[in-house]
N, C-alpha and C. Protein backbone atom coordinates (compact mmCIF):
# COMPACT_ATOMS: atom_id res chain seq x y z
N UNK A 1 110.14 105.44 114.96
CA UNK A 1 109.87 105.49 113.93
C UNK A 1 108.84 104.62 113.03
N UNK A 2 108.37 105.72 112.06
CA UNK A 2 107.18 105.50 111.68
C UNK A 2 106.44 104.20 110.05
N UNK A 3 105.93 103.15 110.50
CA UNK A 3 105.87 102.55 108.78
C UNK A 3 104.98 102.92 107.80
N UNK A 4 104.76 104.83 107.79
CA UNK A 4 103.80 104.60 107.16
C UNK A 4 104.52 105.27 105.74
N UNK A 5 104.31 104.71 104.98
CA UNK A 5 105.07 105.10 103.09
C UNK A 5 105.22 106.19 102.90
N UNK A 6 105.99 106.81 102.31
CA UNK A 6 106.31 107.92 102.35
C UNK A 6 106.76 108.15 100.76
N UNK A 7 105.77 109.42 100.52
CA UNK A 7 106.18 110.08 99.41
C UNK A 7 106.98 110.98 99.01
N UNK A 8 107.81 111.15 98.41
CA UNK A 8 109.45 111.64 97.41
C UNK A 8 109.12 112.90 96.75
N UNK A 9 108.74 114.15 97.46
CA UNK A 9 108.28 115.15 96.87
C UNK A 9 109.73 116.11 96.12
N UNK A 10 110.64 116.32 95.59
CA UNK A 10 111.43 117.88 94.93
C UNK A 10 110.84 118.57 94.17
N UNK A 11 111.17 119.47 94.44
CA UNK A 11 110.74 120.92 93.96
C UNK A 11 111.12 121.87 94.25
N UNK A 12 111.83 122.38 93.10
CA UNK A 12 112.03 124.05 93.94
C UNK A 12 111.53 125.43 94.27
N UNK A 13 110.32 125.66 93.22
CA UNK A 13 109.34 126.66 93.16
C UNK A 13 108.60 126.55 94.56
N UNK A 14 109.03 127.42 96.00
CA UNK A 14 108.00 127.14 96.42
C UNK A 14 106.94 127.52 96.31
N UNK A 15 106.57 128.40 95.92
CA UNK A 15 105.04 128.42 96.21
C UNK A 15 104.19 127.31 95.19
N UNK A 16 105.33 126.75 93.77
CA UNK A 16 104.32 125.37 93.77
C UNK A 16 104.46 123.86 94.29
N UNK A 17 105.85 124.24 94.86
CA UNK A 17 105.83 123.16 95.96
C UNK A 17 104.99 123.48 97.37
N UNK A 18 104.08 123.75 97.91
CA UNK A 18 103.66 124.52 99.01
C UNK A 18 102.14 124.48 98.72
N UNK A 19 102.18 124.77 97.08
CA UNK A 19 100.55 124.30 96.70
C UNK A 19 99.96 122.73 96.44
N UNK A 20 100.98 122.35 96.00
CA UNK A 20 100.90 120.25 96.01
C UNK A 20 100.94 119.64 97.46
N UNK A 21 102.02 120.98 97.56
CA UNK A 21 101.78 119.75 99.44
C UNK A 21 100.35 119.98 100.56
N UNK A 22 100.01 120.70 99.77
CA UNK A 22 98.12 121.01 100.38
C UNK A 22 97.54 120.03 100.16
N UNK A 23 97.48 120.48 98.38
CA UNK A 23 97.10 118.72 97.97
C UNK A 23 97.25 117.80 98.32
N UNK A 24 98.79 117.08 98.86
CA UNK A 24 99.69 115.90 98.67
C UNK A 24 99.10 115.52 100.49
N UNK A 25 99.09 116.45 101.26
CA UNK A 25 97.97 116.60 102.39
C UNK A 25 97.07 116.08 102.53
N UNK A 26 95.76 116.79 102.19
CA UNK A 26 94.42 116.02 101.86
C UNK A 26 94.17 115.32 101.11
N UNK A 27 94.87 114.33 100.03
CA UNK A 27 94.39 113.30 99.71
C UNK A 27 94.92 112.16 99.59
N UNK A 28 96.11 112.60 100.07
CA UNK A 28 96.65 111.56 100.57
C UNK A 28 97.17 111.10 101.82
N UNK A 29 96.53 110.81 102.70
CA UNK A 29 97.01 111.52 104.49
C UNK A 29 97.54 110.64 104.92
N UNK A 30 96.81 109.50 104.23
CA UNK A 30 97.57 108.03 105.43
C UNK A 30 99.12 108.06 104.51
N UNK A 31 99.99 108.78 103.69
CA UNK A 31 101.42 109.14 103.72
C UNK A 31 101.86 110.16 104.11
N UNK A 32 103.25 109.66 104.40
CA UNK A 32 104.09 111.56 104.81
C UNK A 32 104.43 111.81 103.99
N UNK A 33 104.75 112.50 103.63
CA UNK A 33 104.90 113.48 102.37
C UNK A 33 106.77 114.23 103.12
N UNK A 34 107.89 114.04 101.96
CA UNK A 34 109.44 113.90 102.44
C UNK A 34 109.61 115.41 101.34
N UNK A 35 109.63 115.76 101.43
CA UNK A 35 109.90 117.13 100.74
C UNK A 35 111.63 117.90 100.15
N UNK A 36 111.89 117.97 98.73
CA UNK A 36 112.87 118.12 98.37
C UNK A 36 113.27 119.82 97.84
N UNK A 37 113.63 120.30 97.80
CA UNK A 37 114.26 121.87 97.36
C UNK A 37 114.95 121.56 96.70
N UNK A 38 115.82 120.83 95.45
CA UNK A 38 116.80 120.71 95.01
C UNK A 38 116.93 119.32 94.47
N UNK A 39 117.62 118.52 93.39
CA UNK A 39 117.61 117.21 92.68
C UNK A 39 119.02 116.70 93.95
N UNK A 40 120.03 117.79 94.27
CA UNK A 40 120.86 117.26 94.92
C UNK A 40 120.78 116.99 96.11
N UNK A 41 119.37 117.42 96.94
CA UNK A 41 118.82 116.22 97.70
C UNK A 41 118.26 115.45 98.27
N UNK A 42 117.57 115.39 97.31
CA UNK A 42 116.39 114.15 96.51
C UNK A 42 117.35 113.38 95.84
N UNK A 43 118.35 113.45 95.63
CA UNK A 43 119.68 112.16 95.39
C UNK A 43 119.93 111.60 96.73
N UNK A 44 120.23 112.40 97.17
CA UNK A 44 120.93 112.15 98.85
C UNK A 44 120.20 111.28 99.51
N UNK A 45 118.91 111.46 99.41
CA UNK A 45 117.90 111.14 99.83
C UNK A 45 117.35 109.45 99.28
N UNK A 46 117.78 109.49 97.89
CA UNK A 46 117.23 107.99 97.02
C UNK A 46 118.39 106.99 97.58
N UNK A 47 119.91 107.35 98.08
CA UNK A 47 120.75 105.95 98.58
C UNK A 47 120.69 105.80 99.81
N UNK A 48 119.53 106.21 100.34
CA UNK A 48 119.76 106.06 101.86
C UNK A 48 118.67 105.16 101.99
N UNK A 49 117.89 104.99 103.44
CA UNK A 49 116.80 103.86 103.24
C UNK A 49 115.83 104.17 102.94
N UNK A 50 115.73 102.97 101.72
CA UNK A 50 114.08 103.33 100.38
C UNK A 50 113.03 102.61 100.81
N UNK A 51 113.39 101.06 102.21
CA UNK A 51 111.90 100.66 102.69
C UNK A 51 110.70 101.13 102.46
N UNK A 52 110.30 102.01 102.30
CA UNK A 52 108.81 102.49 102.97
C UNK A 52 108.24 104.09 102.04
N UNK A 53 109.07 104.29 101.09
CA UNK A 53 109.16 105.48 99.03
C UNK A 53 108.12 103.91 99.01
N UNK A 54 107.42 104.81 98.27
CA UNK A 54 106.01 104.20 98.11
C UNK A 54 105.72 105.10 96.29
N UNK A 55 105.95 106.61 96.56
CA UNK A 55 106.58 107.26 94.96
C UNK A 55 107.46 108.72 94.98
N UNK A 56 107.75 108.68 93.94
CA UNK A 56 108.72 109.79 94.02
C UNK A 56 108.64 111.05 92.70
N UNK A 57 108.22 111.94 93.25
CA UNK A 57 107.94 112.88 92.61
C UNK A 57 109.41 114.24 92.19
N UNK A 58 109.48 114.52 90.02
CA UNK A 58 110.46 115.43 91.07
C UNK A 58 110.43 116.13 89.34
N UNK A 59 110.35 116.63 90.20
CA UNK A 59 110.17 118.46 89.40
C UNK A 59 111.93 118.13 87.97
N UNK A 60 111.36 118.83 86.73
CA UNK A 60 111.58 118.76 85.51
C UNK A 60 113.55 119.50 85.73
N UNK A 61 113.45 120.85 86.09
CA UNK A 61 114.45 121.90 86.19
C UNK A 61 114.18 121.89 87.78
N UNK A 62 115.60 121.99 88.50
CA UNK A 62 116.03 121.65 89.86
C UNK A 62 117.43 122.74 89.38
N UNK A 63 117.57 123.12 91.21
CA UNK A 63 118.95 123.59 91.08
C UNK A 63 119.81 122.40 91.79
N UNK A 64 121.24 121.89 91.67
CA UNK A 64 122.14 121.30 91.99
C UNK A 64 122.94 121.96 92.67
N UNK A 65 124.35 121.06 93.66
CA UNK A 65 124.86 121.60 95.02
C UNK A 65 126.13 122.38 93.89
N UNK A 66 126.05 123.62 94.25
CA UNK A 66 127.25 124.32 93.43
C UNK A 66 127.01 124.97 91.60
N UNK A 67 125.09 124.90 91.59
CA UNK A 67 124.45 125.28 90.31
C UNK A 67 123.23 125.68 90.80
N UNK A 68 123.34 126.74 89.48
CA UNK A 68 121.65 127.46 89.35
C UNK A 68 120.60 126.07 88.77
N UNK A 69 119.12 126.67 88.87
CA UNK A 69 118.88 125.88 87.96
C UNK A 69 118.98 125.12 87.14
N UNK A 70 119.46 123.81 86.60
CA UNK A 70 119.53 123.44 85.88
C UNK A 70 118.48 122.88 84.92
N UNK A 71 118.62 122.53 83.49
CA UNK A 71 117.36 122.39 83.22
C UNK A 71 117.40 120.45 82.91
N UNK A 72 116.35 119.94 83.78
CA UNK A 72 116.82 117.86 83.27
C UNK A 72 116.79 117.58 84.47
N UNK A 73 116.85 117.97 85.34
CA UNK A 73 117.61 117.49 86.47
C UNK A 73 116.74 116.50 87.18
N UNK A 74 115.18 116.53 87.06
CA UNK A 74 114.55 115.64 86.91
C UNK A 74 114.97 114.52 86.38
N UNK A 75 114.56 114.58 84.90
CA UNK A 75 114.42 113.58 84.22
C UNK A 75 116.26 112.85 84.56
N UNK A 76 116.96 113.77 84.78
CA UNK A 76 118.16 112.65 84.68
C UNK A 76 118.12 111.92 86.55
N UNK A 77 118.02 112.20 87.15
CA UNK A 77 117.49 111.33 88.66
C UNK A 77 116.82 110.20 87.50
N UNK A 78 115.47 110.90 87.35
CA UNK A 78 114.64 109.17 86.91
C UNK A 78 115.65 108.20 86.41
N UNK A 79 116.22 108.31 84.93
CA UNK A 79 116.92 108.16 84.08
C UNK A 79 117.81 106.78 85.29
N UNK A 80 118.70 108.18 85.90
CA UNK A 80 119.28 107.00 87.23
C UNK A 80 119.20 105.81 88.28
N UNK A 81 117.78 106.07 88.40
CA UNK A 81 117.15 105.12 89.57
C UNK A 81 116.74 104.97 88.88
N UNK A 82 115.02 105.03 88.21
CA UNK A 82 114.05 104.85 88.04
C UNK A 82 114.29 103.06 87.59
N UNK A 83 114.95 102.45 86.93
CA UNK A 83 115.08 101.33 86.52
C UNK A 83 115.31 99.78 87.45
N UNK A 84 116.40 101.02 88.20
CA UNK A 84 117.30 99.69 89.49
C UNK A 84 116.60 99.10 90.69
N UNK A 85 116.93 97.90 90.78
CA UNK A 85 116.45 97.23 91.23
C UNK A 85 116.03 97.80 92.07
N UNK A 86 116.51 98.21 93.42
CA UNK A 86 115.81 98.28 94.55
C UNK A 86 114.53 99.45 94.43
N UNK A 87 114.28 100.01 93.24
CA UNK A 87 113.60 100.67 92.67
C UNK A 87 112.18 100.76 91.74
N UNK A 88 111.64 98.90 91.89
CA UNK A 88 111.49 98.40 91.10
C UNK A 88 109.70 98.46 91.62
N UNK A 89 109.77 98.48 92.36
CA UNK A 89 108.24 98.82 93.33
C UNK A 89 107.32 100.48 93.24
N UNK A 90 108.47 101.28 93.09
CA UNK A 90 108.28 102.07 93.29
C UNK A 90 107.94 103.68 92.19
N UNK A 91 107.12 103.84 91.67
CA UNK A 91 106.56 105.07 90.90
C UNK A 91 107.08 105.78 90.21
N UNK A 92 107.98 107.03 89.73
CA UNK A 92 108.46 108.23 89.24
C UNK A 92 107.39 108.26 88.67
N UNK A 93 107.27 109.37 89.26
CA UNK A 93 106.61 111.01 88.22
C UNK A 93 107.31 112.19 87.95
N UNK A 94 107.88 112.69 86.49
CA UNK A 94 107.42 113.69 86.54
C UNK A 94 107.58 114.62 86.11
N UNK A 95 106.95 116.22 87.12
CA UNK A 95 106.54 117.34 86.89
C UNK A 95 107.22 118.24 86.10
N UNK A 96 106.99 118.58 84.78
CA UNK A 96 107.70 119.36 84.45
C UNK A 96 106.60 121.24 83.23
N UNK A 97 107.30 121.67 83.80
CA UNK A 97 107.07 123.28 82.89
C UNK A 97 106.88 123.75 80.90
N UNK A 98 107.20 122.76 80.04
CA UNK A 98 107.60 123.41 79.13
C UNK A 98 107.36 121.94 78.28
N UNK A 99 108.26 121.73 77.69
CA UNK A 99 107.87 120.64 75.92
C UNK A 99 106.96 119.61 76.51
N UNK A 100 106.59 118.78 75.65
CA UNK A 100 106.17 117.73 75.62
C UNK A 100 107.18 116.67 75.89
N UNK A 101 108.49 116.93 74.99
CA UNK A 101 109.63 115.63 74.88
C UNK A 101 109.81 115.26 75.73
N UNK A 102 110.12 116.43 77.19
CA UNK A 102 110.49 115.58 78.28
C UNK A 102 109.65 114.84 78.48
N UNK A 103 108.18 114.79 78.50
CA UNK A 103 108.19 113.87 79.37
C UNK A 103 108.06 112.48 79.43
N UNK A 104 107.97 112.88 77.69
CA UNK A 104 108.16 111.13 76.47
C UNK A 104 109.19 110.87 76.76
N UNK A 105 110.19 112.18 77.43
CA UNK A 105 111.75 111.03 77.46
C UNK A 105 112.11 110.62 78.55
N UNK A 106 111.18 111.23 79.89
CA UNK A 106 110.93 110.72 81.61
C UNK A 106 110.32 108.50 80.94
N UNK A 107 109.30 109.07 79.99
CA UNK A 107 108.87 107.36 80.35
C UNK A 107 109.49 106.33 79.40
N UNK A 108 110.67 107.02 78.57
CA UNK A 108 111.26 106.22 78.11
C UNK A 108 112.26 105.96 79.25
N UNK A 109 113.08 106.80 79.81
CA UNK A 109 114.07 106.31 81.38
C UNK A 109 113.79 105.20 82.62
N UNK A 110 111.88 105.89 82.30
CA UNK A 110 110.89 104.44 83.65
C UNK A 110 110.40 104.95 84.32
N UNK A 111 110.30 106.11 83.89
CA UNK A 111 108.95 107.38 84.84
C UNK A 111 108.02 106.73 84.41
N UNK A 112 106.56 106.27 85.73
CA UNK A 112 105.63 105.69 85.61
C UNK A 112 104.63 106.37 85.03
N UNK A 113 104.67 108.02 85.08
CA UNK A 113 104.23 108.86 84.53
C UNK A 113 104.88 110.07 83.84
N UNK A 114 104.89 111.07 83.62
CA UNK A 114 104.62 112.69 83.68
C UNK A 114 103.21 113.76 83.51
N UNK A 115 103.80 115.15 84.45
CA UNK A 115 102.71 115.56 84.57
C UNK A 115 103.22 117.53 84.34
N UNK A 116 102.51 117.31 83.41
CA UNK A 116 102.85 119.65 83.05
C UNK A 116 102.70 120.46 84.30
N UNK A 117 103.11 121.18 84.75
CA UNK A 117 102.59 121.53 85.82
C UNK A 117 101.07 122.57 85.25
N UNK A 118 100.93 122.72 84.56
CA UNK A 118 99.25 124.15 84.02
C UNK A 118 98.62 122.55 84.07
N UNK A 119 99.04 121.05 83.98
CA UNK A 119 97.69 120.62 83.84
C UNK A 119 96.63 120.66 85.00
N UNK A 120 94.95 120.50 85.11
CA UNK A 120 94.50 120.74 86.51
C UNK A 120 94.73 120.25 86.81
N UNK A 121 94.88 119.81 88.76
CA UNK A 121 94.94 119.37 89.75
C UNK A 121 94.65 118.33 89.94
N UNK A 122 93.30 117.48 89.63
CA UNK A 122 92.42 116.94 89.39
C UNK A 122 93.35 115.72 88.77
N UNK A 123 94.40 116.13 87.88
CA UNK A 123 94.27 115.17 86.65
C UNK A 123 95.81 114.32 87.32
N UNK A 124 96.15 115.61 88.27
CA UNK A 124 97.60 115.56 88.76
C UNK A 124 97.48 114.56 89.67
N UNK A 125 96.58 114.61 90.29
CA UNK A 125 96.01 114.60 92.15
C UNK A 125 95.23 112.34 91.86
N UNK A 126 94.69 112.27 89.79
CA UNK A 126 94.45 111.17 89.93
C UNK A 126 95.60 110.07 89.12
N UNK A 127 97.06 110.66 88.59
CA UNK A 127 97.46 110.27 88.35
C UNK A 127 98.29 109.70 89.47
N UNK A 128 98.50 110.60 90.41
CA UNK A 128 99.46 110.03 91.64
C UNK A 128 98.90 109.10 92.34
N UNK A 129 97.41 109.19 92.21
CA UNK A 129 96.79 107.90 92.50
C UNK A 129 96.75 107.07 92.28
N UNK A 130 97.18 107.36 90.94
CA UNK A 130 97.42 105.47 89.94
C UNK A 130 98.14 104.83 90.40
N UNK A 131 99.33 105.91 90.51
CA UNK A 131 101.21 105.41 90.51
C UNK A 131 100.57 104.69 91.81
N UNK A 132 99.45 105.55 93.29
CA UNK A 132 100.09 104.74 94.55
C UNK A 132 99.12 103.51 94.30
N UNK A 133 98.37 103.73 93.84
CA UNK A 133 96.96 102.31 93.25
C UNK A 133 96.28 101.75 91.76
N UNK A 134 98.11 100.74 91.69
CA UNK A 134 97.48 100.81 90.21
C UNK A 134 96.87 99.54 89.63
N UNK A 135 96.22 98.59 91.30
CA UNK A 135 94.97 97.95 90.96
C UNK A 135 93.30 98.31 91.31
N UNK A 136 93.59 99.59 91.83
CA UNK A 136 92.52 99.99 92.13
C UNK A 136 91.60 100.69 91.63
N UNK A 137 90.92 100.93 91.08
CA UNK A 137 89.55 101.76 89.84
C UNK A 137 88.87 102.67 90.51
N UNK A 138 89.80 103.36 92.34
CA UNK A 138 89.59 104.14 92.33
C UNK A 138 89.82 105.79 92.29
N UNK A 139 91.17 105.60 91.37
CA UNK A 139 92.01 106.82 90.54
C UNK A 139 90.70 107.41 89.52
N UNK A 140 90.08 106.34 88.75
CA UNK A 140 89.38 106.84 87.78
C UNK A 140 87.70 107.69 87.99
N UNK A 141 88.26 108.95 87.34
CA UNK A 141 86.98 109.57 87.11
C UNK A 141 85.80 108.17 86.97
N UNK A 142 84.63 108.70 87.97
CA UNK A 142 83.05 107.81 88.22
C UNK A 142 82.27 107.44 87.03
N UNK A 143 82.69 107.86 86.05
CA UNK A 143 81.96 108.11 85.02
C UNK A 143 82.74 107.03 83.74
N UNK A 144 83.80 106.91 83.73
CA UNK A 144 84.29 106.08 83.46
C UNK A 144 85.56 104.63 84.51
N UNK A 145 85.21 105.04 85.46
CA UNK A 145 85.10 103.46 86.61
C UNK A 145 84.07 103.07 86.92
N UNK A 146 82.78 103.89 86.32
CA UNK A 146 81.44 103.13 85.85
C UNK A 146 81.69 101.52 84.98
N UNK A 147 81.59 102.23 84.24
CA UNK A 147 82.28 101.54 82.39
C UNK A 147 83.00 100.80 82.32
N UNK A 148 84.12 100.80 82.93
CA UNK A 148 85.01 99.85 83.54
C UNK A 148 84.60 98.94 84.61
N UNK A 149 83.92 99.47 84.75
CA UNK A 149 82.79 97.77 86.01
C UNK A 149 81.89 97.39 85.96
N UNK A 150 80.93 97.70 84.82
CA UNK A 150 80.85 96.91 84.13
C UNK A 150 80.47 96.37 83.24
N UNK A 151 81.87 96.12 82.50
CA UNK A 151 82.28 96.00 81.48
C UNK A 151 83.42 94.75 81.63
N UNK A 152 83.44 94.53 83.10
CA UNK A 152 84.40 93.39 83.89
C UNK A 152 83.16 92.07 83.86
């Protein structure tokens, strides 16, 4: 059994999942990444051992058991789990491909952040790094980090 922290990543689109996994593996090699192809498998895992969970990334629209793709599954998972006591230290991030209102609703429901799947990969990686390391300035673009460091 490993003591490494784990990132949970749920995404039904195989191509997008593979692409983001490559980025996660290269940028966050100190973490294990556990992937899920639907909302049901993520939910089953969220009720298991959560001791080493560092981050949950959920696609907005995913299949659930007995159904095709269901709109808003990731948001419903965030709404159900993000504010629970056992998740108080685990940031949830919603990935979506649609109207920004989806992301804003996720924030209201307890998400740390929301990201459009069309956002540049650097924005996605910076946001995830910030979710994992909120007290660090390493996630900032270098010019912004220098401004904040010099003003502190």
